[in-house]
Amino acid sequence: MNAVKGTYRLLFEDMRWWLLLFSAITLGLAVIFIAIGVIFEVSFSASLFGPIYGAICTIACIGIVYSFPVLIGLGSTRKQFLKSYYFIASIMVICFITVLNIIYFIMHTLNQLGVHKLSFFHPGMFYSMNYHILAYVWIDLMVGFLLLGLSAFLTVSWKRLGTRNFLIIFFTFNLLITILINIINITSLLEWVFELNVIYTFTIVGFIGFCLLICTFPMMKHAPLVMKARNA
């Protein structure tokens, strides 16, 4: 197996493990929620996207922190690693969101058949409170790519800057955002944004995620194999 195929294969195997793990967790939660609803004959709103969204953030970070030094040590180049990482991670986001929405579709179908009375939270509710599978899948996918890009960008920034410098910049940025939120009526701003066109808004959100992901390329071209010193 050459370095190129080996890089793709190892990244795929690492990320596939997380896909199976978090898909099983999400499915288990869905079964538990339905069981509670059926056994106790109660209706409540459930949330299933937490484990899947967390898994997307996890594969973004794990690929940079752990897979990167291993694959470079095995003969891959930084350029080849990044190309493989972008491709496999994007495929995994699609797989994660597909699994999540298959579970949502099953829950919705069982609800329509009267098996349970549960409802579920979903970012697609900004678009419509009624279930629209294509719109819901697209919105979920865009959120997934935002999480991937943002997680990768933050991880690479941490890797390049070191813990101390990263935390200084991170908390300064958060402070500025907090001040901005207090100055501007953020609720009215969000309502205005989503009233424009929810699908377009989430598409832009996904595009921002892609841009953040691509921004890691020049940052990682000369990145060290290990994190900078904790006090750097």
Protein backbone atom coordinates (compact mmCIF):
# COMPACT_ATOMS: atom_id res chain seq x y z
CA MET A 1 0.00 0.00 0.00
CA ASN A 2 1.50 3.36 -1.03
CA ALA A 3 1.52 6.51 1.13
CA VAL A 4 -1.46 8.08 -0.64
CA LYS A 5 -3.78 5.09 -0.30
CA GLY A 6 -2.47 4.44 3.19
CA THR A 7 -3.33 7.98 4.30
CA TYR A 8 -6.88 7.71 3.00
CA ARG A 9 -7.30 4.23 4.48
CA LEU A 10 -6.01 5.06 7.95
CA LEU A 11 -8.05 8.26 8.20
CA PHE A 12 -11.13 6.42 7.02
CA GLU A 13 -10.67 3.62 9.57
CA ASP A 14 -10.15 6.10 12.41
CA MET A 15 -13.21 8.16 11.55
CA ARG A 16 -15.39 5.15 10.76
CA TRP A 17 -14.95 3.97 14.35
CA TRP A 18 -16.39 7.25 15.62
CA LEU A 19 -19.21 7.02 13.08
CA LEU A 20 -20.23 3.60 14.35
CA LEU A 21 -19.90 4.59 18.00
CA PHE A 22 -21.92 7.80 17.88
CA SER A 23 -24.51 6.33 15.50
CA ALA A 24 -25.08 3.55 18.02
CA ILE A 25 -25.41 6.10 20.83
CA THR A 26 -27.92 8.16 18.85
CA LEU A 27 -29.94 5.08 17.91
CA GLY A 28 -29.91 3.96 21.55
CA LEU A 29 -31.22 7.36 22.67
CA ALA A 30 -34.01 7.18 20.08
CA VAL A 31 -35.04 3.70 21.31
CA ILE A 32 -35.01 4.89 24.94
CA PHE A 33 -37.13 7.96 24.13
CA ILE A 34 -39.67 5.90 22.17
CA ALA A 35 -39.80 3.27 24.92
CA ILE A 36 -40.49 5.94 27.55
CA GLY A 37 -43.16 7.52 25.38
CA VAL A 38 -44.89 4.19 24.66
CA ILE A 39 -44.63 2.62 28.11
CA PHE A 40 -45.70 5.68 30.08
CA GLU A 41 -47.95 7.08 27.33
CA VAL A 42 -46.45 10.54 27.56
CA SER A 43 -45.56 13.11 24.95
CA PHE A 44 -42.44 15.24 25.10
CA SER A 45 -39.85 16.85 22.85
CA ALA A 46 -36.62 14.91 22.36
CA SER A 47 -33.24 15.98 21.04
CA LEU A 48 -31.09 13.53 19.09
CA PHE A 49 -28.55 15.74 17.32
CA GLY A 50 -26.25 16.19 20.34
CA PRO A 51 -24.15 13.01 19.92
CA ILE A 52 -23.91 13.39 16.14
CA TYR A 53 -22.90 17.05 16.26
CA GLY A 54 -20.41 16.19 19.00
CA ALA A 55 -19.01 13.39 16.84
CA ILE A 56 -18.40 15.78 13.94
CA CYS A 57 -16.43 18.08 16.25
CA THR A 58 -14.55 15.04 17.57
CA ILE A 59 -13.37 13.73 14.18
CA ALA A 60 -12.27 17.25 13.20
CA CYS A 61 -10.09 17.54 16.31
CA ILE A 62 -8.84 13.94 16.40
CA GLY A 63 -7.68 14.10 12.79
CA ILE A 64 -5.51 17.14 13.47
CA VAL A 65 -4.17 16.25 16.91
CA TYR A 66 -3.62 12.48 16.68
CA SER A 67 -3.82 11.26 13.08
CA PHE A 68 -1.63 14.04 11.65
CA PRO A 69 1.68 13.18 13.44
CA VAL A 70 1.11 9.44 12.98
CA LEU A 71 0.52 9.66 9.22
CA ILE A 72 3.39 12.11 8.66
CA GLY A 73 5.61 9.70 10.60
CA LEU A 74 4.48 6.87 8.31
CA GLY A 75 5.59 8.74 5.19
CA SER A 76 2.67 10.94 4.16
CA THR A 77 3.27 14.58 3.24
CA ARG A 78 1.41 17.46 4.86
CA LYS A 79 -0.28 18.30 1.55
CA GLN A 80 -1.44 14.73 1.04
CA PHE A 81 -2.65 14.48 4.62
CA LEU A 82 -4.74 17.65 4.30
CA LYS A 83 -6.29 16.55 1.01
CA SER A 84 -7.17 13.18 2.55
CA TYR A 85 -8.40 14.80 5.76
CA TYR A 86 -10.71 17.23 3.94
CA PHE A 87 -12.15 14.49 1.75
CA ILE A 88 -12.68 11.81 4.40
CA ALA A 89 -13.97 14.26 7.01
CA SER A 90 -16.49 15.69 4.51
CA ILE A 91 -17.67 12.19 3.61
CA MET A 92 -18.06 11.41 7.31
CA VAL A 93 -20.16 14.54 7.87
CA ILE A 94 -22.50 13.36 5.11
CA CYS A 95 -22.63 9.88 6.70
CA PHE A 96 -23.31 11.27 10.18
CA ILE A 97 -26.11 13.52 8.96
CA THR A 98 -27.58 10.70 6.86
CA VAL A 99 -27.71 8.38 9.87
CA LEU A 100 -29.25 11.11 12.05
CA ASN A 101 -31.96 11.92 9.55
CA ILE A 102 -32.80 8.27 8.90
CA ILE A 103 -33.47 7.98 12.63
CA TYR A 104 -35.50 11.21 12.55
CA PHE A 105 -37.52 9.87 9.60
CA ILE A 106 -38.25 6.61 11.41
CA MET A 107 -39.35 8.50 14.53
CA HIS A 108 -41.56 10.78 12.43
CA THR A 109 -43.12 7.80 10.63
CA LEU A 110 -43.85 6.03 13.92
CA ASN A 111 -45.38 9.25 15.22
CA GLN A 112 -47.65 9.48 12.18
CA LEU A 113 -48.69 5.84 12.70
CA GLY A 114 -49.64 6.60 16.30
CA VAL A 115 -46.97 4.44 17.91
CA HIS A 116 -45.74 7.34 20.05
CA LYS A 117 -46.49 11.03 20.61
CA LEU A 118 -42.95 12.33 20.76
CA SER A 119 -41.70 15.35 18.86
CA PHE A 120 -38.08 16.28 18.27
CA PHE A 121 -35.93 19.39 18.16
CA HIS A 122 -34.20 20.05 14.85
CA PRO A 123 -32.49 23.09 13.27
CA GLY A 124 -34.96 22.64 10.41
CA MET A 125 -37.67 23.99 12.73
CA PHE A 126 -36.39 27.46 11.79
CA TYR A 127 -37.64 26.61 8.31
CA SER A 128 -40.91 24.92 9.23
CA MET A 129 -42.44 23.29 12.30
CA ASN A 130 -43.82 20.64 9.94
CA TYR A 131 -41.39 17.90 8.92
CA HIS A 132 -39.89 18.46 5.45
CA ILE A 133 -37.27 15.78 4.89
CA LEU A 134 -35.22 17.43 2.12
CA ALA A 135 -35.09 20.82 3.82
CA TYR A 136 -34.29 19.24 7.18
CA VAL A 137 -31.48 17.12 5.72
CA TRP A 138 -29.96 20.10 3.90
CA ILE A 139 -30.07 22.32 6.99
CA ASP A 140 -28.55 19.55 9.13
CA LEU A 141 -25.81 19.07 6.53
CA MET A 142 -24.94 22.77 6.53
CA VAL A 143 -24.74 22.84 10.32
CA GLY A 144 -22.52 19.75 10.16
CA PHE A 145 -20.07 21.43 7.78
CA LEU A 146 -19.99 24.53 9.96
CA LEU A 147 -19.10 22.39 12.98
CA LEU A 148 -16.42 20.57 10.99
CA GLY A 149 -14.82 23.76 9.69
CA LEU A 150 -15.02 25.61 12.99
CA SER A 151 -13.65 22.70 15.02
CA ALA A 152 -10.79 22.14 12.58
CA PHE A 153 -9.94 25.86 12.48
CA LEU A 154 -9.89 26.18 16.28
CA THR A 155 -7.81 23.02 16.66
CA VAL A 156 -5.23 24.13 14.09
CA SER A 157 -5.07 27.58 15.70
CA TRP A 158 -4.44 25.94 19.06
CA LYS A 159 -1.78 23.72 17.51
CA ARG A 160 0.06 26.63 15.88
CA LEU A 161 -0.31 29.24 18.65
CA GLY A 162 0.16 27.10 21.73
CA THR A 163 -2.22 26.88 24.68
CA ARG A 164 -1.43 30.22 26.32
CA ASN A 165 -1.59 32.37 23.18
CA PHE A 166 -4.66 30.55 21.89
CA LEU A 167 -6.57 31.02 25.14
CA ILE A 168 -5.67 34.72 25.28
CA ILE A 169 -6.98 35.29 21.74
CA PHE A 170 -9.98 33.00 22.26
CA PHE A 171 -11.21 34.67 25.44
CA THR A 172 -10.54 38.14 24.03
CA PHE A 173 -12.66 37.27 21.00
CA ASN A 174 -15.41 35.88 23.23
CA LEU A 175 -15.36 39.05 25.32
CA LEU A 176 -15.78 41.18 22.20
CA ILE A 177 -18.65 38.98 21.00
CA THR A 178 -20.34 39.21 24.44
CA ILE A 179 -20.06 43.01 24.41
CA LEU A 180 -21.44 43.10 20.87
CA ILE A 181 -24.40 40.89 21.83
CA ASN A 182 -25.22 43.20 24.75
CA ILE A 183 -25.04 46.27 22.52
CA ILE A 184 -27.09 44.79 19.67
CA ASN A 185 -30.48 43.14 20.07
CA ILE A 186 -29.26 39.72 18.93
CA THR A 187 -32.74 38.16 19.04
CA SER A 188 -34.15 40.71 16.61
CA LEU A 189 -31.07 40.32 14.40
CA LEU A 190 -31.48 36.53 14.22
CA GLU A 191 -35.20 36.86 13.50
CA TRP A 192 -34.41 39.28 10.68
CA VAL A 193 -31.73 36.99 9.22
CA PHE A 194 -33.95 33.90 9.23
CA GLU A 195 -36.91 35.82 7.84
CA LEU A 196 -34.86 36.59 4.71
CA ASN A 197 -34.64 32.94 3.64
CA VAL A 198 -33.86 30.13 6.04
CA ILE A 199 -32.46 27.76 3.40
CA TYR A 200 -30.15 30.45 2.01
CA THR A 201 -29.09 31.41 5.53
CA PHE A 202 -28.08 27.87 6.45
CA THR A 203 -26.39 27.45 3.06
CA ILE A 204 -24.24 30.48 3.88
CA VAL A 205 -23.56 28.91 7.28
CA GLY A 206 -22.31 25.75 5.58
CA PHE A 207 -20.19 27.82 3.17
CA ILE A 208 -18.58 29.59 6.14
CA GLY A 209 -17.71 26.15 7.52
CA PHE A 210 -16.05 25.21 4.21
CA CYS A 211 -14.08 28.47 4.21
CA LEU A 212 -12.85 27.85 7.76
CA LEU A 213 -11.82 24.33 6.77
CA ILE A 214 -9.88 25.55 3.72
CA CYS A 215 -8.21 28.25 5.85
CA THR A 216 -6.45 25.48 7.76
CA PHE A 217 -4.44 24.53 4.65
CA PRO A 218 -1.84 27.33 4.78
CA MET A 219 -1.77 27.04 8.58
CA MET A 220 -0.95 23.33 8.46
CA LYS A 221 1.57 23.34 5.58
CA HIS A 222 4.43 23.99 7.99
CA ALA A 223 2.76 22.91 11.23
CA PRO A 224 4.87 21.05 13.82
CA LEU A 225 4.05 17.40 14.45
CA VAL A 226 3.29 18.06 18.11
CA MET A 227 1.44 20.82 19.90
CA LYS A 228 3.47 23.82 21.00
CA ALA A 229 4.55 23.83 24.64
CA ARG A 230 1.72 24.39 27.12
CA ASN A 231 3.19 27.69 28.26
CA ALA A 232 4.17 28.84 24.74
